[in-house]
Amino acid sequence: MPIEAAEIERLIKQAIPDAKVEITDLAGDDNHFAAAVVSSQFAGKSKLQQHQLVYKALGETMGGALHALQLQTSAPK
């Protein structure tokens, strides 16, 4: 079952309230997305740790309704 971009954004913002999230549907199929996430919670964390925070926010959605996510994370400048 596909997932909507708005639901991905909602899940991320629920776990990371200050996140600025931009979701792009890469294939137009509601299965392959790119997400750019900016949050102060990422400050001082490695890219791996930043990505882990986002994957934790998405929970069981990853590998389920969401098949592929190209992820770009950063702390605000």
C-alpha atoms as a PDB file:
ATOM      1  CA  MET A   1       0.000   0.000   0.000  1.00  0.00           C
ATOM      2  CA  PRO A   2       1.556   3.342  -1.077  1.00  0.00           C
ATOM      3  CA  ILE A   3       2.189   6.221   1.306  1.00  0.00           C
ATOM      4  CA  GLU A   4       1.578   9.894   0.636  1.00  0.00           C
ATOM      5  CA  ALA A   5       4.313  12.495   0.931  1.00  0.00           C
ATOM      6  CA  ALA A   6       2.239  14.362   3.522  1.00  0.00           C
ATOM      7  CA  GLU A   7       2.233  11.290   5.775  1.00  0.00           C
ATOM      8  CA  ILE A   8       6.034  10.992   5.575  1.00  0.00           C
ATOM      9  CA  GLU A   9       6.339  14.653   6.518  1.00  0.00           C
ATOM     10  CA  ARG A  10       3.850  14.232   9.389  1.00  0.00           C
ATOM     11  CA  LEU A  11       5.751  11.268  10.845  1.00  0.00           C
ATOM     12  CA  ILE A  12       9.068  13.102  10.701  1.00  0.00           C
ATOM     13  CA  LYS A  13       7.652  16.287  12.255  1.00  0.00           C
ATOM     14  CA  GLN A  14       5.911  14.289  14.969  1.00  0.00           C
ATOM     15  CA  ALA A  15       9.262  12.875  16.130  1.00  0.00           C
ATOM     16  CA  ILE A  16      11.382  15.926  15.245  1.00  0.00           C
ATOM     17  CA  PRO A  17       9.071  18.916  15.899  1.00  0.00           C
ATOM     18  CA  ASP A  18      11.429  21.652  14.676  1.00  0.00           C
ATOM     19  CA  ALA A  19      12.189  19.832  11.413  1.00  0.00           C
ATOM     20  CA  LYS A  20      11.870  21.615   8.122  1.00  0.00           C
ATOM     21  CA  VAL A  21      10.924  18.828   5.712  1.00  0.00           C
ATOM     22  CA  GLU A  22      10.784  18.782   1.915  1.00  0.00           C
ATOM     23  CA  ILE A  23       9.500  15.576   0.303  1.00  0.00           C
ATOM     24  CA  THR A  24       9.818  14.756  -3.401  1.00  0.00           C
ATOM     25  CA  ASP A  25       8.112  11.787  -5.073  1.00  0.00           C
ATOM     26  CA  LEU A  26      10.944  10.538  -7.308  1.00  0.00           C
ATOM     27  CA  ALA A  27       9.002   8.125  -9.501  1.00  0.00           C
ATOM     28  CA  GLY A  28       5.422   9.380  -9.200  1.00  0.00           C
ATOM     29  CA  ASP A  29       4.415   6.066  -7.637  1.00  0.00           C
ATOM     30  CA  ASP A  30       4.107   6.951  -3.918  1.00  0.00           C
ATOM     31  CA  ASN A  31       6.846   4.396  -3.200  1.00  0.00           C
ATOM     32  CA  HIS A  32      10.144   6.151  -3.978  1.00  0.00           C
ATOM     33  CA  PHE A  33      10.814   9.464  -2.269  1.00  0.00           C
ATOM     34  CA  ALA A  34      13.570  11.937  -1.503  1.00  0.00           C
ATOM     35  CA  ALA A  35      13.467  13.836   1.778  1.00  0.00           C
ATOM     36  CA  ALA A  36      15.471  16.891   2.794  1.00  0.00           C
ATOM     37  CA  VAL A  37      15.270  17.376   6.555  1.00  0.00           C
ATOM     38  CA  VAL A  38      16.793  20.272   8.503  1.00  0.00           C
ATOM     39  CA  SER A  39      16.645  20.220  12.308  1.00  0.00           C
ATOM     40  CA  SER A  40      18.560  21.673  15.233  1.00  0.00           C
ATOM     41  CA  GLN A  41      18.468  18.143  16.702  1.00  0.00           C
ATOM     42  CA  PHE A  42      21.054  17.182  14.069  1.00  0.00           C
ATOM     43  CA  ALA A  43      23.669  19.627  15.393  1.00  0.00           C
ATOM     44  CA  GLY A  44      26.827  17.809  16.466  1.00  0.00           C
ATOM     45  CA  LYS A  45      25.593  14.474  15.115  1.00  0.00           C
ATOM     46  CA  SER A  46      27.157  12.467  12.299  1.00  0.00           C
ATOM     47  CA  LYS A  47      25.204  11.899   9.076  1.00  0.00           C
ATOM     48  CA  LEU A  48      24.586   8.313  10.219  1.00  0.00           C
ATOM     49  CA  GLN A  49      23.101   9.519  13.520  1.00  0.00           C
ATOM     50  CA  GLN A  50      20.977  12.105  11.703  1.00  0.00           C
ATOM     51  CA  HIS A  51      19.624   9.478   9.318  1.00  0.00           C
ATOM     52  CA  GLN A  52      18.937   7.107  12.202  1.00  0.00           C
ATOM     53  CA  LEU A  53      16.744   9.784  13.837  1.00  0.00           C
ATOM     54  CA  VAL A  54      14.700  10.115  10.657  1.00  0.00           C
ATOM     55  CA  TYR A  55      14.412   6.345  10.164  1.00  0.00           C
ATOM     56  CA  LYS A  56      13.302   5.979  13.782  1.00  0.00           C
ATOM     57  CA  ALA A  57      10.632   8.622  13.146  1.00  0.00           C
ATOM     58  CA  LEU A  58       9.362   6.649  10.160  1.00  0.00           C
ATOM     59  CA  GLY A  59       9.307   3.393  12.118  1.00  0.00           C
ATOM     60  CA  GLU A  60       7.682   0.431  10.396  1.00  0.00           C
ATOM     61  CA  THR A  61       6.787   2.594   7.408  1.00  0.00           C
ATOM     62  CA  MET A  62      10.336   2.053   6.106  1.00  0.00           C
ATOM     63  CA  GLY A  63      10.434  -1.201   4.184  1.00  0.00           C
ATOM     64  CA  GLY A  64       6.649  -1.387   4.352  1.00  0.00           C
ATOM     65  CA  ALA A  65       4.566   1.287   2.655  1.00  0.00           C
ATOM     66  CA  LEU A  66       7.741   3.254   1.937  1.00  0.00           C
ATOM     67  CA  HIS A  67      10.088   1.249  -0.273  1.00  0.00           C
ATOM     68  CA  ALA A  68      12.844   3.752  -0.949  1.00  0.00           C
ATOM     69  CA  LEU A  69      13.910   7.022   0.654  1.00  0.00           C
ATOM     70  CA  GLN A  70      16.795   9.152  -0.563  1.00  0.00           C
ATOM     71  CA  LEU A  71      17.686  11.171   2.532  1.00  0.00           C
ATOM     72  CA  GLN A  72      19.527  14.473   2.939  1.00  0.00           C
ATOM     73  CA  THR A  73      19.842  15.835   6.471  1.00  0.00           C
ATOM     74  CA  SER A  74      21.500  18.856   8.040  1.00  0.00           C
ATOM     75  CA  ALA A  75      21.430  21.198  10.994  1.00  0.00           C
ATOM     76  CA  PRO A  76      20.329  24.802  10.385  1.00  0.00           C
ATOM     77  CA  LYS A  77      23.094  27.206   9.410  1.00  0.00           C
END
